[in-house]
Protein backbone atom coordinates (compact mmCIF):
# COMPACT_ATOMS: atom_id res chain seq x y z
CA MET A 1 0.00 0.00 0.00
CA LYS A 2 1.35 3.39 -0.98
CA ILE A 3 0.87 6.17 1.59
CA ASN A 4 0.27 9.86 0.86
CA THR A 5 3.36 11.70 2.10
CA SER A 6 4.53 15.31 2.09
CA VAL A 7 8.31 15.57 1.96
CA PHE A 8 10.27 18.64 3.11
CA LEU A 9 13.97 19.49 2.96
CA LEU A 10 15.55 21.77 5.54
CA LYS A 11 17.84 24.53 4.40
CA GLN A 12 21.50 23.57 4.41
CA GLU A 13 22.38 25.72 7.43
CA TYR A 14 20.13 23.62 9.68
CA SER A 15 22.03 20.43 10.49
CA SER A 16 20.16 19.21 13.58
CA ILE A 17 17.15 16.98 13.10
CA ASP A 18 15.36 18.83 15.89
CA ASP A 19 15.57 22.04 13.82
CA ALA A 20 12.65 20.68 11.80
CA PHE A 21 10.16 20.95 14.63
CA VAL A 22 8.32 23.92 16.10
CA ASP A 23 7.29 22.03 19.25
CA LYS A 24 10.11 19.75 20.36
CA THR A 25 8.52 18.54 23.61
CA ASN A 26 6.68 15.60 22.05
CA VAL A 27 9.47 14.45 19.74
CA LEU A 28 10.44 10.80 20.19
CA GLU A 29 13.68 9.00 19.37
CA GLY A 30 13.17 6.52 16.54
CA ASN A 31 15.35 4.08 14.65
CA GLY A 32 17.80 6.47 13.01
CA CYS A 33 15.28 9.28 13.04
CA ARG A 34 13.18 11.56 15.21
CA ILE A 35 9.40 11.20 15.28
CA TYR A 36 6.66 13.60 16.20
CA ILE A 37 3.12 12.32 16.68
CA THR A 38 0.05 14.44 17.25
CA SER A 39 -3.49 13.34 17.98
CA ARG A 40 -6.54 15.33 18.85
CA VAL A 41 -9.39 14.27 21.08
CA CYS A 42 -12.73 13.48 19.55
CA ASN A 43 -14.87 16.56 19.15
CA LEU A 44 -18.26 17.25 17.70
CA PRO A 45 -17.96 19.49 14.64
CA ALA A 46 -19.70 22.85 14.78
CA TRP A 47 -22.35 21.79 12.27
CA SER A 48 -23.30 18.62 14.21
CA GLY A 49 -26.12 20.40 16.04
CA VAL A 50 -27.85 21.11 12.73
CA VAL A 51 -27.71 17.45 11.70
CA GLN A 52 -28.80 16.16 15.10
CA LYS A 53 -32.07 18.07 14.84
CA PHE A 54 -33.08 15.76 12.04
CA LEU A 55 -31.86 12.49 13.66
CA PRO A 56 -33.97 10.24 15.90
CA GLU A 57 -33.08 10.88 19.55
CA GLY A 58 -29.81 9.24 20.59
CA GLU A 59 -28.85 8.05 17.11
CA GLY A 60 -25.82 9.11 15.06
CA ARG A 61 -24.03 11.04 17.79
CA ASN A 62 -21.01 8.72 17.93
CA ILE A 63 -20.67 8.77 14.17
CA LEU A 64 -20.49 12.58 14.22
CA HIS A 65 -17.49 12.61 16.57
CA SER A 66 -14.30 13.46 14.69
CA ALA A 67 -10.61 13.30 15.54
CA SER A 68 -7.41 13.91 13.62
CA SER A 69 -3.88 12.69 14.04
CA GLY A 70 -0.63 13.19 12.20
CA ALA A 71 3.06 12.47 12.36
CA ILE A 72 6.48 13.59 11.17
CA ILE A 73 9.54 11.43 10.57
CA ALA A 74 12.71 13.54 10.40
CA LEU A 75 16.09 12.06 9.52
CA LYS A 76 19.58 12.87 8.27
CA VAL A 77 20.29 12.08 4.60
CA LYS A 78 23.71 12.90 3.12
CA ASN A 79 24.25 15.63 5.74
CA ARG A 80 20.85 17.16 5.04
CA VAL A 81 17.72 16.96 7.17
CA MET A 82 14.55 15.71 5.52
CA ALA A 83 11.08 15.51 7.03
CA LEU A 84 8.27 13.21 5.94
CA SER A 85 4.90 14.48 7.07
CA PHE A 86 1.62 12.59 7.35
CA ALA A 87 -1.78 14.29 7.63
CA SER A 88 -1.79 17.17 10.14
CA GLY A 89 1.80 16.51 11.26
CA ARG A 90 3.06 19.23 8.91
CA TYR A 91 1.72 21.92 11.26
CA ASN A 92 4.62 21.19 13.62
CA LEU A 93 7.22 21.80 10.93
CA ASP A 94 9.12 25.09 11.04
CA GLN A 95 8.29 26.35 7.54
CA ASN A 96 10.82 29.18 7.76
CA LYS A 97 13.61 26.59 7.78
CA MET A 98 12.41 24.64 4.75
CA GLU A 99 14.07 24.79 1.34
CA ASP A 100 12.23 26.91 -1.21
CA ARG A 101 10.93 25.02 -4.27
CA PHE A 102 12.33 21.67 -3.16
CA GLY A 103 9.11 20.01 -4.30
CA LEU A 104 8.95 21.81 -7.65
CA LYS A 105 12.51 20.98 -8.72
CA THR A 106 12.28 17.38 -7.47
CA CYS A 107 8.98 16.87 -9.24
CA LEU A 108 10.27 18.22 -12.57
CA ASN A 109 13.38 16.06 -12.34
CA MET A 110 11.52 12.88 -11.39
CA GLN A 111 8.51 13.01 -13.67
CA THR A 112 9.12 10.68 -16.59
CA SER A 113 6.70 11.57 -19.38
CA ASP A 114 7.23 15.34 -19.62
CA LYS A 115 3.46 15.53 -19.30
CA PHE A 116 1.37 17.18 -16.61
CA ARG A 117 -2.16 17.08 -15.26
CA ASN A 118 -2.27 20.56 -13.76
CA LEU A 119 -0.20 23.69 -13.18
CA LYS A 120 -0.65 26.46 -10.64
CA ILE A 121 0.47 29.70 -12.27
CA GLN A 122 1.03 33.22 -10.98
CA SER A 123 1.39 36.31 -13.12
CA LEU A 124 4.50 38.45 -12.71
CA GLU A 125 2.31 41.51 -13.09
CA VAL A 126 1.87 43.67 -10.05
CA ASN A 127 -1.42 42.21 -8.89
CA GLY A 128 -0.02 38.69 -9.12
CA VAL A 129 -3.12 36.98 -10.54
CA GLN A 130 -3.08 33.26 -9.77
CA LYS A 131 -4.77 30.51 -11.73
CA LEU A 132 -5.01 26.72 -11.69
CA GLU A 133 -4.96 25.05 -15.10
CA SER A 134 -6.05 21.42 -15.29
CA ARG A 135 -6.24 19.04 -18.23
CA SER A 136 -8.56 16.04 -18.57
CA SER A 137 -5.61 14.06 -19.95
CA TRP A 138 -1.84 14.22 -19.45
CA SER A 139 -0.48 17.08 -21.54
CA GLU A 140 2.86 18.67 -22.36
CA MET A 141 3.62 21.99 -20.71
CA ASN A 142 3.32 23.75 -24.08
CA ASP A 143 -0.35 22.73 -24.10
CA PHE A 144 -0.97 24.88 -21.04
CA SER A 145 -1.54 28.61 -21.51
CA ILE A 146 1.50 29.73 -19.56
CA ASN A 147 3.52 32.72 -20.71
CA ILE A 148 7.02 31.83 -19.52
CA GLU A 149 8.14 35.42 -20.03
CA ASN A 150 5.50 36.92 -17.77
CA GLU A 151 4.30 34.16 -15.45
CA MET A 152 5.83 31.80 -12.92
CA ILE A 153 4.88 28.28 -11.94
CA LYS A 154 3.68 27.83 -8.36
CA SER A 155 3.34 24.04 -8.51
CA VAL A 156 2.99 21.15 -10.96
CA THR A 157 1.46 17.68 -10.99
CA GLY A 158 3.38 15.21 -13.13
CA GLN A 159 3.89 11.46 -13.57
CA VAL A 160 6.55 9.22 -12.09
CA ASP A 161 7.44 5.65 -13.07
CA ASP A 162 9.02 4.04 -10.02
CA GLU A 163 7.89 0.95 -8.13
CA TRP A 164 8.45 2.73 -4.80
CA PHE A 165 6.09 5.56 -5.63
CA GLY A 166 2.56 6.20 -6.84
CA LYS A 167 1.97 7.38 -10.40
CA ASN A 168 1.33 11.04 -9.57
CA ILE A 169 3.78 13.50 -8.06
CA SER A 170 3.34 17.19 -7.33
CA GLY A 171 5.11 19.94 -5.49
CA PHE A 172 6.28 23.46 -4.87
CA ASP A 173 8.13 23.95 -1.56
CA SER A 174 7.15 20.49 -0.37
CA LEU A 175 6.81 17.34 -2.46
CA SER A 176 3.53 15.43 -2.43
CA ILE A 177 4.00 11.78 -3.33
CA LYS A 178 2.72 8.30 -2.47
CA ILE A 179 5.42 6.01 -1.04
CA ASP A 180 5.40 2.20 -0.68
CA PHE A 181 7.00 2.02 2.76
CA GLU A 182 6.46 -1.75 3.04
CA ASN A 183 8.72 -2.54 0.10
CA CYS A 184 11.41 0.12 0.32
CA ASP A 185 13.93 1.54 2.76
CA ILE A 186 13.11 5.02 4.01
CA ASN A 187 16.74 6.14 3.80
CA ALA A 188 17.01 4.93 0.22
CA VAL A 189 13.78 6.75 -0.64
CA CYS A 190 15.06 10.01 0.83
CA GLU A 191 18.41 9.65 -0.95
CA LYS A 192 16.60 9.20 -4.26
CA LEU A 193 14.48 12.30 -3.65
CA LEU A 194 17.51 14.34 -2.57
CA ASP A 195 19.48 13.27 -5.66
CA ALA A 196 16.53 14.32 -7.82
CA TYR A 197 16.47 17.73 -6.12
CA TYR A 198 20.19 18.27 -6.74
CA SER A 199 19.90 17.35 -10.42
CA ASP A 200 19.96 20.04 -13.12
CA ASP A 201 17.97 17.91 -15.58
CA TYR A 202 14.94 20.21 -15.33
CA LYS A 203 16.96 23.05 -16.85
CA ARG A 204 16.92 21.37 -20.28
CA GLN A 205 13.23 22.26 -20.68
CA TYR A 206 12.13 24.21 -17.64
CA ASP A 207 14.99 26.57 -16.79
CA PHE A 208 12.53 29.49 -16.83
CA ILE A 209 11.29 28.51 -13.34
CA ASP A 210 14.52 29.95 -11.89
CA LYS A 211 13.95 33.48 -13.20
CA ILE A 212 11.77 34.88 -10.46
CA PHE A 213 9.69 33.56 -7.59
CA PRO A 214 8.02 34.91 -4.41
CA VAL A 215 9.77 34.89 -1.04
CA ASN A 216 7.68 33.28 1.70
CA LYS A 217 10.14 32.55 4.50
CA LYS A 218 9.62 34.88 7.47
CA SER A 219 13.32 34.93 8.36
CA VAL A 220 14.30 36.10 4.85
CA LEU A 221 11.44 38.59 4.73
CA LYS A 222 12.61 40.08 8.03
CA LYS A 223 16.16 40.53 6.69
CA LEU A 224 14.85 42.09 3.49
CA ASP A 225 12.69 44.57 5.39
CA GLU A 226 15.64 45.50 7.59
CA GLU A 227 17.85 46.02 4.53
CA LEU A 228 15.10 48.07 2.86
CA PHE A 229 14.83 50.43 5.81
CA GLN A 230 18.61 50.79 5.99
CA LYS A 231 18.65 51.72 2.31
CA ILE A 232 16.07 54.43 3.01
CA ARG A 233 18.26 55.71 5.85
CA ASN A 234 21.15 55.84 3.37
CA HIS A 235 19.00 57.64 0.74
CA ASP A 236 19.67 54.76 -1.66
CA GLU A 237 18.43 55.49 -5.19
CA ASN A 238 17.30 51.85 -5.57
CA VAL A 239 14.30 52.59 -3.35
CA TRP A 240 11.48 54.83 -4.53
CA MET A 241 7.83 55.51 -3.81
CA CYS A 242 4.71 56.07 -5.86
CA ILE A 243 0.97 55.37 -5.77
CA PRO A 244 0.89 51.75 -7.01
CA ASP A 245 -2.81 51.46 -7.88
CA PHE A 246 -5.05 52.79 -10.60
CA LEU A 247 -6.71 56.08 -9.68
CA ASP A 248 -8.91 58.56 -11.46
CA TRP A 249 -6.28 61.27 -11.19
CA GLU A 250 -8.62 63.86 -12.63
CA ASN A 251 -10.47 63.77 -9.30
CA VAL A 252 -7.32 63.89 -7.14
CA GLU A 253 -6.68 67.44 -5.96
CA TYR A 254 -3.84 66.80 -3.50
CA ILE A 255 -1.96 64.12 -1.53
CA LYS A 256 -1.17 64.09 2.18
CA TYR A 257 1.35 62.00 4.12
CA LEU A 258 3.47 62.43 7.26
CA ASP A 259 1.91 65.85 7.96
CA ASP A 260 -0.96 68.09 6.86
CA GLU A 261 0.86 69.64 3.91
CA GLU A 262 -0.86 69.27 0.57
CA GLU A 263 1.43 67.63 -2.01
CA ASP A 264 1.04 66.92 -5.71
CA ASP A 265 3.07 63.69 -5.60
CA VAL A 266 4.75 61.22 -3.24
CA ARG A 267 8.33 62.24 -2.50
CA ILE A 268 10.57 59.75 -0.75
CA GLU A 269 12.76 62.69 0.27
CA LYS A 270 10.07 63.68 2.75
CA PHE A 271 10.47 60.31 4.44
CA TYR A 272 14.24 60.87 4.54
CA GLU A 273 13.66 64.06 6.53
CA VAL A 274 11.54 62.29 9.15
CA ILE A 275 13.71 59.17 9.43
CA ASP A 276 17.12 60.86 9.48
CA GLY A 277 18.54 60.97 12.97
CA ASP A 278 15.74 58.92 14.55
CA GLU A 279 17.31 55.57 15.41
CA ASN A 280 14.09 54.30 17.00
CA LYS A 281 12.21 54.14 13.73
CA THR A 282 11.94 50.74 12.00
CA ILE A 283 10.16 49.24 9.01
CA ASP A 284 6.95 49.50 11.06
CA PHE A 285 7.12 53.25 10.50
CA LEU A 286 6.48 52.68 6.77
CA LYS A 287 3.74 50.16 7.47
CA LYS A 288 1.95 52.57 9.80
CA SER A 289 2.46 55.77 7.76
CA TYR A 290 -0.40 56.32 5.34
CA ILE A 291 -0.48 58.08 2.01
CA LYS A 292 -3.88 59.61 1.25
CA CYS A 293 -5.33 61.17 -1.89
CA TYR A 294 -8.09 63.77 -1.61
CA SER A 295 -10.63 65.38 -3.90
CA SER A 296 -11.12 69.14 -4.12
CA GLU A 297 -13.99 68.73 -1.60
CA GLY A 298 -11.59 67.16 0.90
CA LYS A 299 -12.93 63.63 0.46
CA CYS A 300 -10.35 60.87 0.90
CA LEU A 301 -10.25 58.92 -2.37
CA TYR A 302 -7.37 56.60 -1.57
CA LYS A 303 -5.45 55.39 1.47
CA GLN A 304 -2.49 53.01 1.56
CA ASN A 305 0.58 52.60 3.75
CA ALA A 306 4.01 53.75 2.60
CA TYR A 307 5.42 50.21 2.66
CA TYR A 308 2.87 49.16 0.04
CA CYS A 309 3.82 52.20 -2.03
CA SER A 310 7.55 51.39 -1.93
CA THR A 311 9.54 49.71 -4.69
CA ALA A 312 13.06 48.48 -4.05
CA GLU A 313 15.95 46.37 -5.26
CA VAL A 314 17.93 44.62 -2.52
CA HIS A 315 20.88 42.20 -2.45
CA LEU A 316 21.45 39.69 0.33
CA GLY A 317 24.70 37.82 -0.20
CA ASN A 318 24.66 36.60 -3.80
CA GLU A 319 20.87 36.75 -4.07
CA SER A 320 18.85 39.60 -5.61
CA TYR A 321 15.36 40.61 -4.55
CA ILE A 322 12.72 43.11 -5.59
CA LEU A 323 9.89 44.62 -3.56
CA ASN A 324 6.62 45.27 -5.34
CA ASN A 325 3.20 45.97 -3.78
CA ALA A 326 4.45 44.89 -0.34
CA LYS A 327 5.64 41.54 -1.72
CA TRP A 328 9.24 40.38 -2.03
CA TYR A 329 10.48 38.34 -4.99
CA SER A 330 13.78 36.57 -5.59
CA ILE A 331 15.29 37.07 -9.02
CA SER A 332 17.94 34.92 -10.68
CA THR A 333 21.34 36.40 -11.53
CA ASP A 334 20.98 35.69 -15.25
CA PHE A 335 17.52 37.22 -15.42
CA GLU A 336 18.70 40.23 -13.46
CA LYS A 337 21.55 40.75 -15.95
CA GLU A 338 19.05 40.56 -18.80
CA LEU A 339 16.89 43.21 -17.15
CA ASP A 340 19.97 45.35 -16.43
CA LEU A 341 20.84 45.34 -20.13
CA LEU A 342 17.31 46.42 -21.01
CA ASP A 343 17.45 49.12 -18.32
CA GLU A 344 20.75 50.36 -19.71
CA ASP A 345 19.31 50.42 -23.22
CA ILE A 346 16.38 52.54 -22.00
CA GLN A 347 18.76 54.91 -20.22
CA ASN A 348 21.00 55.37 -23.24
CA ASN A 349 18.69 55.07 -26.21
CA SER A 350 15.31 56.46 -25.17
CA GLU A 351 14.32 59.64 -26.96
CA ILE A 352 14.02 62.91 -25.05
CA TYR A 353 10.72 64.76 -25.53
CA SER A 354 12.32 67.78 -27.21
CA SER A 355 14.03 65.63 -29.84
CA VAL A 356 10.69 64.42 -31.18
CA GLY A 357 8.92 67.78 -31.01
CA LEU A 358 6.98 67.20 -27.78
CA PRO A 359 6.85 69.87 -25.06
CA ALA A 360 7.73 69.40 -21.40
CA CYS A 361 4.71 68.61 -19.25
CA THR A 362 3.45 71.45 -17.04
CA CYS A 363 0.00 69.91 -16.58
CA ASP A 364 -1.34 67.82 -13.73
CA LYS A 365 -3.56 65.74 -16.00
CA GLU A 366 -2.43 63.57 -18.92
CA GLU A 367 -5.50 64.68 -20.86
CA ASP A 368 -4.42 68.34 -20.66
CA TYR A 369 -0.89 67.44 -21.76
CA ASN A 370 -2.16 65.50 -24.76
CA ASN A 371 -4.35 68.44 -25.74
CA GLU A 372 -1.34 70.75 -25.54
CA CYS A 373 0.73 68.43 -27.72
CA ALA A 374 -2.03 68.33 -30.33
CA LEU A 375 -1.72 72.10 -30.83
CA SER A 376 1.34 71.25 -32.90
CA PRO A 377 0.69 70.35 -36.56
CA ASP A 378 2.97 67.35 -36.05
CA PHE A 379 0.56 65.50 -33.76
CA ASP A 380 -3.08 64.44 -33.87
CA LEU A 381 -5.11 63.91 -30.70
CA TRP A 382 -6.53 60.38 -30.36
CA ASP A 383 -6.79 60.35 -26.58
CA GLN A 384 -10.09 58.69 -25.49
CA GLN A 385 -11.09 58.04 -29.09
CA LEU A 386 -12.20 54.40 -28.85
CA VAL A 387 -12.58 52.01 -31.76
CA ASP A 388 -14.13 48.68 -30.79
CA ARG A 389 -13.43 49.73 -27.18
CA ILE A 390 -9.70 50.05 -28.00
CA GLU A 391 -7.75 53.30 -27.71
CA VAL A 392 -5.55 53.34 -30.80
CA CYS A 393 -3.09 55.77 -29.18
CA ASP A 394 -3.03 59.07 -27.32
CA LEU A 395 -1.13 60.93 -30.02
CA TRP A 396 -0.56 60.13 -33.67
CA SER A 397 2.62 61.61 -35.13
CA LYS A 398 3.16 62.52 -38.74
CA ARG A 399 6.36 60.44 -38.38
CA LYS A 400 4.01 57.41 -38.29
CA GLU A 401 4.28 56.91 -34.55
CA PHE A 402 1.52 55.59 -32.32
CA ILE A 403 2.33 57.38 -29.04
CA HIS A 404 0.87 56.21 -25.72
CA VAL A 405 1.27 58.70 -22.86
CA LYS A 406 1.36 58.03 -19.09
CA LYS A 407 2.72 59.69 -15.97
CA TYR A 408 5.55 57.77 -14.31
CA SER A 409 3.99 55.62 -11.62
CA SER A 410 3.93 52.09 -10.27
CA SER A 411 4.42 48.87 -12.16
CA ALA A 412 0.65 48.36 -12.33
CA VAL A 413 0.06 51.66 -14.11
CA LEU A 414 3.01 51.32 -16.50
CA SER A 415 2.22 47.69 -17.27
CA HIS A 416 -1.28 48.82 -18.20
CA LEU A 417 0.27 51.40 -20.54
CA PHE A 418 2.36 48.73 -22.27
CA LEU A 419 -0.66 46.45 -22.59
CA GLN A 420 -2.64 49.24 -24.27
CA GLY A 421 0.13 49.63 -26.83
CA LEU A 422 0.29 45.90 -27.48
CA VAL A 423 -3.47 45.52 -27.94
CA SER A 424 -3.65 48.45 -30.33
CA ALA A 425 -0.60 47.35 -32.35
CA THR A 426 -1.95 43.81 -32.66
CA ARG A 427 -5.38 44.88 -33.89
CA LEU A 428 -3.92 47.36 -36.38
CA CYS A 429 -1.60 44.71 -37.77
CA GLN A 430 -4.06 41.84 -37.94
CA SER A 431 -7.45 43.34 -38.76
CA LYS A 432 -8.36 45.18 -41.95
CA ASN A 433 -11.83 45.73 -40.53
CA PHE A 434 -10.32 47.47 -37.49
CA ARG A 435 -8.16 49.70 -39.71
CA GLN A 436 -11.24 50.66 -41.72
CA LYS A 437 -13.06 51.67 -38.53
CA VAL A 438 -10.03 53.71 -37.40
CA GLU A 439 -9.97 55.45 -40.79
CA GLN A 440 -13.71 56.17 -40.59
CA LYS A 441 -13.36 57.47 -37.02
CA GLY A 442 -10.53 59.78 -38.00
CA VAL A 443 -12.47 61.26 -40.92
CA LYS A 444 -15.75 61.59 -39.00
CA GLU A 445 -14.17 63.25 -35.95
CA ASN A 446 -11.75 65.33 -38.07
CA LEU A 447 -8.79 63.80 -36.21
CA PHE A 448 -6.38 63.71 -39.14
CA THR A 449 -4.52 67.03 -39.24
CA SER A 450 -0.99 65.73 -39.68
CA GLY A 451 -1.85 63.22 -42.38
CA LYS A 452 -3.79 59.95 -42.56
CA MET A 453 -2.50 56.89 -40.76
CA PHE A 454 -2.70 54.48 -43.68
CA ALA A 455 -1.76 54.85 -47.32
CA SER A 456 -4.30 52.07 -47.83
CA VAL A 457 -6.31 50.11 -45.24
CA ASP A 458 -5.92 47.05 -47.47
CA ALA A 459 -2.14 46.85 -47.13
CA PHE A 460 -0.64 47.49 -43.70
CA HIS A 461 3.11 47.09 -43.19
CA ALA A 462 4.04 47.27 -39.51
CA LYS A 463 7.68 47.94 -40.42
CA ASP A 464 6.61 51.39 -41.60
CA TYR A 465 5.31 52.35 -38.13
CA SER A 466 6.58 52.86 -34.59
CA VAL A 467 4.94 52.29 -31.21
CA LYS A 468 6.24 54.75 -28.63
CA PHE A 469 5.56 54.88 -24.90
CA ALA A 470 5.89 58.47 -23.67
CA ILE A 471 6.41 58.53 -19.90
CA ILE A 472 6.18 61.75 -17.92
CA SER A 473 8.80 61.89 -15.16
CA LYS A 474 10.01 64.50 -12.68
CA ASP A 475 13.63 63.73 -13.56
CA VAL A 476 14.33 62.24 -16.99
CA GLN A 477 18.05 62.04 -16.19
CA LYS A 478 17.43 59.55 -13.35
CA PHE A 479 14.50 57.88 -15.09
CA ARG A 480 14.28 54.15 -14.35
CA LEU A 481 11.44 51.71 -14.80
CA PRO A 482 10.54 49.59 -11.77
CA ARG A 483 11.72 45.98 -12.13
CA PHE A 484 8.22 44.60 -12.73
CA SER A 485 7.61 47.27 -15.36
CA LEU A 486 10.86 46.21 -17.04
CA ILE A 487 9.58 42.63 -17.12
CA SER A 488 6.32 43.80 -18.65
CA TYR A 489 8.02 46.14 -21.14
CA ARG A 490 10.50 43.43 -22.12
CA GLN A 491 7.73 41.07 -23.19
CA THR A 492 5.59 43.80 -24.77
CA LYS A 493 8.54 45.07 -26.78
CA ARG A 494 9.30 41.58 -28.09
CA ASN A 495 5.69 40.92 -29.07
CA ILE A 496 5.29 44.23 -30.91
CA GLU A 497 8.67 43.97 -32.63
CA ASP A 498 7.80 40.45 -33.79
CA MET A 499 4.96 42.03 -35.78
CA GLY A 500 7.46 44.36 -37.50
CA TYR A 501 7.01 47.65 -35.63
CA THR A 502 9.80 49.71 -34.09
CA VAL A 503 9.31 50.12 -30.33
CA GLY A 504 10.77 52.73 -28.00
CA ILE A 505 10.33 54.96 -24.97
CA ILE A 506 10.11 58.75 -24.94
CA LYS A 507 11.06 60.55 -21.72
CA ILE A 508 8.98 63.62 -20.97
CA GLN A 509 10.13 66.11 -18.33
CA LYS A 510 7.53 67.08 -15.72
CA GLU A 511 7.92 70.75 -14.86
CA LYS A 512 6.05 73.07 -12.55
CA PRO A 513 3.49 75.32 -14.30
CA VAL A 514 4.71 78.80 -15.13
CA GLU A 515 2.80 81.25 -12.95
């Protein structure tokens, strides 16, 4: 009989078997291992009273009693500590000491058919949308709708062909597997699982899982928060703040934080002033300091703590991490280098607003800026002009550029900007019917002042056009996209360029209005 088992691996720095347990008082000495057993007394479940009302008096009560028990077997295997958990026993395991993604790597290395039954997937976008994809039959990973450039795998369920184990295997941090304990040696089983974890075989097809993944261990999160706050004390440029969520900025009159002064934006420098010289302040200061947006009537439209509004890049040892929407993520060295190259390219090769005939931005609202730009004969205003519920662009340039404009903000806002550009570019490239509607809209609304978009709606050549993302920033010299925006831009740029367009970023200087 094969028994459902959850297998955990302790991090390498924990060499004592007892390190595995939260409560060590009930741990027993076993044969070459340590054992924890838990059992709970029989209790009536909360809903039993409802059922009893419909039972004849005195009947069924004993059946309704429930109890649960569980166990952990922890042992040393090749100088590592492994823990095998049964039922509720896992609740006495110290999760902060467990190896990240032990189950995922082991599962990918052990599964034999390169086919899967389900995948748990999380988007790398700011809001981190999660989804579970299941298939009615075993399918290759390519048959699942996972975008390896913009999503990460949380767990997989695959197949294994080994007489010691059941057919199915799944895992993320822990490994879920059925083990035939009657016909195998527990030490040999653990050695096989540990060897599978150490193997690099998964990298032949699934190396993308190492790019980026969430940090869940409390001990690491604590260190990252401490390093973040120290960086703020040091005025480190790799930490910045902004409103991370979508707002109707037209209704926002002013922002308040730390004091009663009315501000037009979130300035991390204001936090420097409060933190400097106060050694008693910790990361809790950010978590308890709120940033609020108000309407002209004084109504609070938005409230979020400063920690949530912070974005940061932190290094601990040889590992790199990014903070986004109050969540920490670990990023691989190779992927970080790839993003650094893209960041460098944006720094060096992005166009400055003046070089393409755009003015600096002295407006609070993007709509007003777009209207100002359209006063020039070189640009047509397409802001809020929807065709099939799609905004073609904000500005159309006589240089055949579809320009999408947005104020510098969080990854969520900028990722939305890039998505708008991708959707528009795709529809223009693929649909003659869409191009005809754009042409009709332009003529009807008298939008074409700098020349029509298409020589002919029948023949569209993307190579003749550019898609530009114009981002309004307070300091174009220090302009940097947040890491998650870089990830989003990287994929968007590739997709649009694959259609034939030229893609780029325009930096627009935000200046104070001239009084």
